[in-house]
PDB file of N, CA and C in Angstrom:
ATOM      1  N   MET A   1     149.663  95.011   0.664  1.00  0.00           N
ATOM      2  CA  MET A   1     149.465  93.780  -0.088  1.00  0.00           C
ATOM      3  C   MET A   1     149.682  92.598   0.848  1.00  0.00           C
ATOM      4  N   LYS A   2     148.788  91.659   0.825  1.00  0.00           N
ATOM      5  CA  LYS A   2     148.869  90.468   1.676  1.00  0.00           C
ATOM      6  C   LYS A   2     149.665  89.364   0.981  1.00  0.00           C
ATOM      7  N   GLY A   3     150.097  88.403   1.781  1.00  0.00           N
ATOM      8  CA  GLY A   3     150.905  87.298   1.258  1.00  0.00           C
ATOM      9  C   GLY A   3     150.246  86.563   0.108  1.00  0.00           C
ATOM     10  N   LEU A   4     148.958  86.319   0.220  1.00  0.00           N
ATOM     11  CA  LEU A   4     148.269  85.591  -0.853  1.00  0.00           C
ATOM     12  C   LEU A   4     148.217  86.414  -2.132  1.00  0.00           C
ATOM     13  N   ASP A   5     148.058  87.734  -2.007  1.00  0.00           N
ATOM     14  CA  ASP A   5     148.080  88.607  -3.179  1.00  0.00           C
ATOM     15  C   ASP A   5     149.449  88.557  -3.850  1.00  0.00           C
ATOM     16  N   ILE A   6     150.489  88.558  -3.028  1.00  0.00           N
ATOM     17  CA  ILE A   6     151.849  88.510  -3.564  1.00  0.00           C
ATOM     18  C   ILE A   6     152.068  87.205  -4.320  1.00  0.00           C
ATOM     19  N   LEU A   7     151.598  86.102  -3.759  1.00  0.00           N
ATOM     20  CA  LEU A   7     151.758  84.818  -4.446  1.00  0.00           C
ATOM     21  C   LEU A   7     151.095  84.833  -5.819  1.00  0.00           C
ATOM     22  N   GLN A   8     149.987  85.522  -5.913  1.00  0.00           N
ATOM     23  CA  GLN A   8     149.290  85.591  -7.199  1.00  0.00           C
ATOM     24  C   GLN A   8     150.012  86.507  -8.181  1.00  0.00           C
ATOM     25  N   SER A   9     150.888  87.379  -7.704  1.00  0.00           N
ATOM     26  CA  SER A   9     151.617  88.280  -8.590  1.00  0.00           C
ATOM     27  C   SER A   9     152.907  87.666  -9.125  1.00  0.00           C
ATOM     28  N   VAL A  10     153.273  86.499  -8.657  1.00  0.00           N
ATOM     29  CA  VAL A  10     154.503  85.841  -9.118  1.00  0.00           C
ATOM     30  C   VAL A  10     154.386  85.513 -10.600  1.00  0.00           C
ATOM     31  N   GLN A  11     155.477  85.790 -11.311  1.00  0.00           N
ATOM     32  CA  GLN A  11     155.546  85.434 -12.723  1.00  0.00           C
ATOM     33  C   GLN A  11     156.605  84.349 -12.872  1.00  0.00           C
ATOM     34  N   PHE A  12     156.383  83.444 -13.795  1.00  0.00           N
ATOM     35  CA  PHE A  12     157.312  82.342 -13.997  1.00  0.00           C
ATOM     36  C   PHE A  12     157.960  82.440 -15.369  1.00  0.00           C
ATOM     37  N   ILE A  13     159.265  82.120 -15.401  1.00  0.00           N
ATOM     38  CA  ILE A  13     159.981  82.025 -16.662  1.00  0.00           C
ATOM     39  C   ILE A  13     160.783  80.736 -16.651  1.00  0.00           C
ATOM     40  N   THR A  14     161.143  80.276 -17.820  1.00  0.00           N
ATOM     41  CA  THR A  14     161.977  79.084 -17.928  1.00  0.00           C
ATOM     42  C   THR A  14     163.271  79.465 -18.634  1.00  0.00           C
ATOM     43  N   ILE A  15     164.381  79.170 -17.981  1.00  0.00           N
ATOM     44  CA  ILE A  15     165.697  79.437 -18.543  1.00  0.00           C
ATOM     45  C   ILE A  15     166.498  78.144 -18.491  1.00  0.00           C
ATOM     46  N   LYS A  16     166.935  77.689 -19.673  1.00  0.00           N
ATOM     47  CA  LYS A  16     167.730  76.460 -19.781  1.00  0.00           C
ATOM     48  C   LYS A  16     167.068  75.302 -19.049  1.00  0.00           C
ATOM     49  N   GLY A  17     165.761  75.188 -19.179  1.00  0.00           N
ATOM     50  CA  GLY A  17     165.028  74.081 -18.588  1.00  0.00           C
ATOM     51  C   GLY A  17     164.687  74.245 -17.118  1.00  0.00           C
ATOM     52  N   ASN A  18     165.119  75.343 -16.519  1.00  0.00           N
ATOM     53  CA  ASN A  18     164.811  75.599 -15.104  1.00  0.00           C
ATOM     54  C   ASN A  18     163.681  76.614 -15.008  1.00  0.00           C
ATOM     55  N   ARG A  19     162.636  76.274 -14.284  1.00  0.00           N
ATOM     56  CA  ARG A  19     161.520  77.182 -14.098  1.00  0.00           C
ATOM     57  C   ARG A  19     161.813  78.077 -12.894  1.00  0.00           C
ATOM     58  N   LEU A  20     161.767  79.374 -13.109  1.00  0.00           N
ATOM     59  CA  LEU A  20     162.094  80.337 -12.070  1.00  0.00           C
ATOM     60  C   LEU A  20     160.889  81.218 -11.761  1.00  0.00           C
ATOM     61  N   ALA A  21     160.779  81.614 -10.501  1.00  0.00           N
ATOM     62  CA  ALA A  21     159.722  82.531 -10.078  1.00  0.00           C
ATOM     63  C   ALA A  21     160.306  83.932  -9.991  1.00  0.00           C
ATOM     64  N   ILE A  22     159.595  84.886 -10.574  1.00  0.00           N
ATOM     65  CA  ILE A  22     160.024  86.281 -10.565  1.00  0.00           C
ATOM     66  C   ILE A  22     159.071  87.060  -9.659  1.00  0.00           C
ATOM     67  N   LEU A  23     159.670  87.803  -8.724  1.00  0.00           N
ATOM     68  CA  LEU A  23     158.877  88.563  -7.763  1.00  0.00           C
ATOM     69  C   LEU A  23     159.606  89.865  -7.467  1.00  0.00           C
ATOM     70  N   ASP A  24     158.880  90.950  -7.402  1.00  0.00           N
ATOM     71  CA  ASP A  24     159.448  92.241  -7.051  1.00  0.00           C
ATOM     72  C   ASP A  24     160.100  92.135  -5.660  1.00  0.00           C
ATOM     73  N   ALA A  25     161.276  92.727  -5.496  1.00  0.00           N
ATOM     74  CA  ALA A  25     162.021  92.626  -4.231  1.00  0.00           C
ATOM     75  C   ALA A  25     161.223  93.192  -3.061  1.00  0.00           C
ATOM     76  N   ASN A  26     160.501  94.282  -3.268  1.00  0.00           N
ATOM     77  CA  ASN A  26     159.682  94.845  -2.186  1.00  0.00           C
ATOM     78  C   ASN A  26     158.569  93.881  -1.791  1.00  0.00           C
ATOM     79  N   GLU A  27     157.958  93.257  -2.793  1.00  0.00           N
ATOM     80  CA  GLU A  27     156.911  92.274  -2.509  1.00  0.00           C
ATOM     81  C   GLU A  27     157.493  91.072  -1.775  1.00  0.00           C
ATOM     82  N   TRP A  28     158.727  90.693  -2.111  1.00  0.00           N
ATOM     83  CA  TRP A  28     159.396  89.585  -1.428  1.00  0.00           C
ATOM     84  C   TRP A  28     159.525  89.897   0.060  1.00  0.00           C
ATOM     85  N   ASN A  29     159.954  91.116   0.383  1.00  0.00           N
ATOM     86  CA  ASN A  29     160.108  91.504   1.791  1.00  0.00           C
ATOM     87  C   ASN A  29     158.773  91.461   2.531  1.00  0.00           C
ATOM     88  N   VAL A  30     157.709  91.945   1.887  1.00  0.00           N
ATOM     89  CA  VAL A  30     156.382  91.903   2.500  1.00  0.00           C
ATOM     90  C   VAL A  30     155.954  90.445   2.710  1.00  0.00           C
ATOM     91  N   PHE A  31     156.256  89.595   1.736  1.00  0.00           N
ATOM     92  CA  PHE A  31     155.918  88.177   1.827  1.00  0.00           C
ATOM     93  C   PHE A  31     156.630  87.514   3.005  1.00  0.00           C
ATOM     94  N   ILE A  32     157.912  87.820   3.172  1.00  0.00           N
ATOM     95  CA  ILE A  32     158.684  87.256   4.297  1.00  0.00           C
ATOM     96  C   ILE A  32     158.093  87.724   5.620  1.00  0.00           C
ATOM     97  N   GLU A  33     157.737  89.003   5.727  1.00  0.00           N
ATOM     98  CA  GLU A  33     157.114  89.520   6.950  1.00  0.00           C
ATOM     99  C   GLU A  33     155.797  88.802   7.224  1.00  0.00           C
ATOM    100  N   TRP A  34     155.023  88.554   6.180  1.00  0.00           N
ATOM    101  CA  TRP A  34     153.747  87.842   6.312  1.00  0.00           C
ATOM    102  C   TRP A  34     153.984  86.434   6.854  1.00  0.00           C
ATOM    103  N   LEU A  35     154.981  85.749   6.308  1.00  0.00           N
ATOM    104  CA  LEU A  35     155.299  84.393   6.787  1.00  0.00           C
ATOM    105  C   LEU A  35     155.753  84.418   8.247  1.00  0.00           C
ATOM    106  N   GLU A  36     156.552  85.422   8.609  1.00  0.00           N
ATOM    107  CA  GLU A  36     156.997  85.548  10.000  1.00  0.00           C
ATOM    108  C   GLU A  36     155.815  85.802  10.931  1.00  0.00           C
ATOM    109  N   ASP A  37     154.861  86.611  10.478  1.00  0.00           N
ATOM    110  CA  ASP A  37     153.659  86.850  11.281  1.00  0.00           C
ATOM    111  C   ASP A  37     152.875  85.552  11.483  1.00  0.00           C
ATOM    112  N   LEU A  38     152.754  84.759  10.425  1.00  0.00           N
ATOM    113  CA  LEU A  38     152.056  83.470  10.544  1.00  0.00           C
ATOM    114  C   LEU A  38     152.766  82.564  11.549  1.00  0.00           C
ATOM    115  N   GLU A  39     154.096  82.569  11.493  1.00  0.00           N
ATOM    116  CA  GLU A  39     154.873  81.753  12.431  1.00  0.00           C
ATOM    117  C   GLU A  39     154.648  82.233  13.870  1.00  0.00           C
ATOM    118  N   ASP A  40     154.651  83.551  14.076  1.00  0.00           N
ATOM    119  CA  ASP A  40     154.418  84.110  15.415  1.00  0.00           C
ATOM    120  C   ASP A  40     153.035  83.733  15.936  1.00  0.00           C
ATOM    121  N   ILE A  41     152.047  83.785  15.059  1.00  0.00           N
ATOM    122  CA  ILE A  41     150.677  83.409  15.453  1.00  0.00           C
ATOM    123  C   ILE A  41     150.642  81.951  15.883  1.00  0.00           C
ATOM    124  N   GLN A  42     151.333  81.080  15.139  1.00  0.00           N
ATOM    125  CA  GLN A  42     151.354  79.655  15.481  1.00  0.00           C
ATOM    126  C   GLN A  42     152.035  79.432  16.832  1.00  0.00           C
ATOM    127  N   ILE A  43     153.108  80.161  17.086  1.00  0.00           N
ATOM    128  CA  ILE A  43     153.807  80.053  18.370  1.00  0.00           C
ATOM    129  C   ILE A  43     152.874  80.477  19.501  1.00  0.00           C
ATOM    130  N   GLY A  44     152.148  81.565  19.295  1.00  0.00           N
ATOM    131  CA  GLY A  44     151.200  82.042  20.307  1.00  0.00           C
ATOM    132  C   GLY A  44     150.101  81.032  20.573  1.00  0.00           C
ATOM    133  N   LYS A  45     149.542  80.463  19.508  1.00  0.00           N
ATOM    134  CA  LYS A  45     148.487  79.458  19.677  1.00  0.00           C
ATOM    135  C   LYS A  45     149.012  78.245  20.433  1.00  0.00           C
ATOM    136  N   SER A  46     150.227  77.839  20.113  1.00  0.00           N
ATOM    137  CA  SER A  46     150.823  76.684  20.786  1.00  0.00           C
ATOM    138  C   SER A  46     151.014  76.977  22.272  1.00  0.00           C
ATOM    139  N   PHE A  47     151.490  78.191  22.590  1.00  0.00           N
ATOM    140  CA  PHE A  47     151.693  78.552  23.986  1.00  0.00           C
ATOM    141  C   PHE A  47     150.376  78.556  24.746  1.00  0.00           C
ATOM    142  N   PHE A  48     149.343  79.181  24.167  1.00  0.00           N
ATOM    143  CA  PHE A  48     148.061  79.246  24.864  1.00  0.00           C
ATOM    144  C   PHE A  48     147.449  77.863  25.040  1.00  0.00           C
ATOM    145  N   SER A  49     147.716  76.970  24.120  1.00  0.00           N
ATOM    146  CA  SER A  49     147.253  75.594  24.260  1.00  0.00           C
ATOM    147  C   SER A  49     147.959  74.922  25.439  1.00  0.00           C
ATOM    148  N   GLU A  50     149.283  75.132  25.525  1.00  0.00           N
ATOM    149  CA  GLU A  50     150.053  74.595  26.659  1.00  0.00           C
ATOM    150  C   GLU A  50     149.557  75.169  27.972  1.00  0.00           C
ATOM    151  N   LEU A  51     149.313  76.482  27.972  1.00  0.00           N
ATOM    152  CA  LEU A  51     148.852  77.154  29.185  1.00  0.00           C
ATOM    153  C   LEU A  51     147.493  76.614  29.624  1.00  0.00           C
ATOM    154  N   LYS A  52     146.631  76.351  28.666  1.00  0.00           N
ATOM    155  CA  LYS A  52     145.314  75.796  28.982  1.00  0.00           C
ATOM    156  C   LYS A  52     145.459  74.399  29.586  1.00  0.00           C
ATOM    157  N   GLU A  53     146.349  73.577  28.995  1.00  0.00           N
ATOM    158  CA  GLU A  53     146.580  72.228  29.521  1.00  0.00           C
ATOM    159  C   GLU A  53     147.161  72.270  30.925  1.00  0.00           C
ATOM    160  N   ALA A  54     147.917  73.337  31.236  1.00  0.00           N
ATOM    161  CA  ALA A  54     148.524  73.484  32.563  1.00  0.00           C
ATOM    162  C   ALA A  54     147.567  74.155  33.538  1.00  0.00           C
ATOM    163  N   GLY A  55     146.318  74.306  33.140  1.00  0.00           N
ATOM    164  CA  GLY A  55     145.324  74.908  34.024  1.00  0.00           C
ATOM    165  C   GLY A  55     145.588  76.375  34.307  1.00  0.00           C
ATOM    166  N   GLY A  56     146.276  77.041  33.394  1.00  0.00           N
ATOM    167  CA  GLY A  56     146.565  78.462  33.567  1.00  0.00           C
ATOM    168  C   GLY A  56     147.799  78.739  34.411  1.00  0.00           C
ATOM    169  N   ASP A  57     148.462  77.691  34.853  1.00  0.00           N
ATOM    170  CA  ASP A  57     149.653  77.844  35.699  1.00  0.00           C
ATOM    171  C   ASP A  57     150.871  78.040  34.797  1.00  0.00           C
ATOM    172  N   ARG A  58     151.330  79.273  34.696  1.00  0.00           N
ATOM    173  CA  ARG A  58     152.457  79.594  33.807  1.00  0.00           C
ATOM    174  C   ARG A  58     153.740  78.890  34.234  1.00  0.00           C
ATOM    175  N   GLN A  59     153.892  78.647  35.510  1.00  0.00           N
ATOM    176  CA  GLN A  59     155.098  77.991  36.012  1.00  0.00           C
ATOM    177  C   GLN A  59     155.190  76.559  35.477  1.00  0.00           C
ATOM    178  N   LYS A  60     154.055  75.873  35.369  1.00  0.00           N
ATOM    179  CA  LYS A  60     154.041  74.500  34.837  1.00  0.00           C
ATOM    180  C   LYS A  60     154.454  74.450  33.367  1.00  0.00           C
ATOM    181  N   THR A  61     154.276  75.555  32.653  1.00  0.00           N
ATOM    182  CA  THR A  61     154.649  75.582  31.237  1.00  0.00           C
ATOM    183  C   THR A  61     156.144  75.825  31.059  1.00  0.00           C
ATOM    184  N   GLY A  62     156.830  76.163  32.159  1.00  0.00           N
ATOM    185  CA  GLY A  62     158.253  76.469  32.077  1.00  0.00           C
ATOM    186  C   GLY A  62     158.517  77.930  31.758  1.00  0.00           C
ATOM    187  N   MET A  63     157.464  78.716  31.771  1.00  0.00           N
ATOM    188  CA  MET A  63     157.594  80.133  31.474  1.00  0.00           C
ATOM    189  C   MET A  63     158.381  80.815  32.585  1.00  0.00           C
ATOM    190  N   LEU A  64     159.319  81.673  32.189  1.00  0.00           N
ATOM    191  CA  LEU A  64     160.132  82.390  33.161  1.00  0.00           C
ATOM    192  C   LEU A  64     159.441  83.673  33.587  1.00  0.00           C
ATOM    193  N   LYS A  65     159.743  84.119  34.794  1.00  0.00           N
ATOM    194  CA  LYS A  65     159.230  85.401  35.268  1.00  0.00           C
ATOM    195  C   LYS A  65     160.102  86.500  34.660  1.00  0.00           C
ATOM    196  N   TRP A  66     159.457  87.617  34.314  1.00  0.00           N
ATOM    197  CA  TRP A  66     160.177  88.713  33.682  1.00  0.00           C
ATOM    198  C   TRP A  66     161.365  89.164  34.544  1.00  0.00           C
ATOM    199  N   GLN A  67     161.194  89.224  35.863  1.00  0.00           N
ATOM    200  CA  GLN A  67     162.264  89.679  36.740  1.00  0.00           C
ATOM    201  C   GLN A  67     163.509  88.808  36.587  1.00  0.00           C
ATOM    202  N   GLU A  68     163.322  87.501  36.407  1.00  0.00           N
ATOM    203  CA  GLU A  68     164.453  86.589  36.237  1.00  0.00           C
ATOM    204  C   GLU A  68     165.168  86.853  34.915  1.00  0.00           C
ATOM    205  N   VAL A  69     164.416  87.058  33.886  1.00  0.00           N
ATOM    206  CA  VAL A  69     164.998  87.310  32.560  1.00  0.00           C
ATOM    207  C   VAL A  69     165.671  88.671  32.545  1.00  0.00           C
ATOM    208  N   GLU A  70     165.017  89.645  33.133  1.00  0.00           N
ATOM    209  CA  GLU A  70     165.565  91.006  33.151  1.00  0.00           C
ATOM    210  C   GLU A  70     166.918  91.031  33.835  1.00  0.00           C
ATOM    211  N   GLN A  71     167.080  90.285  34.931  1.00  0.00           N
ATOM    212  CA  GLN A  71     168.353  90.233  35.649  1.00  0.00           C
ATOM    213  C   GLN A  71     169.451  89.644  34.771  1.00  0.00           C
ATOM    214  N   GLU A  72     169.112  88.646  33.981  1.00  0.00           N
ATOM    215  CA  GLU A  72     170.091  88.021  33.095  1.00  0.00           C
ATOM    216  C   GLU A  72     170.529  88.968  31.996  1.00  0.00           C
ATOM    217  N   LEU A  73     169.642  89.861  31.580  1.00  0.00           N
ATOM    218  CA  LEU A  73     169.958  90.774  30.490  1.00  0.00           C
ATOM    219  C   LEU A  73     170.812  91.961  30.933  1.00  0.00           C
ATOM    220  N   GLU A  74     170.799  92.255  32.231  1.00  0.00           N
ATOM    221  CA  GLU A  74     171.556  93.413  32.734  1.00  0.00           C
ATOM    222  C   GLU A  74     173.010  93.130  32.868  1.00  0.00           C
TER     223      GLU A  74
END
């Protein structure tokens, strides 16, 4: 089930004047994963845009070399 499908499955109730959205917990988890995927895609697009502006020079974007990061993690 995709995020948009999940949004269409939301049911609304009103309790004491407050309108609440009801969603199956499993669908909620899928929805959160979908939103995280959208965020990751946006981050990727932003990076590739920066890389293009830097003429493909990863160093100009501030990108670290894997060897440098790997050493810090050890």
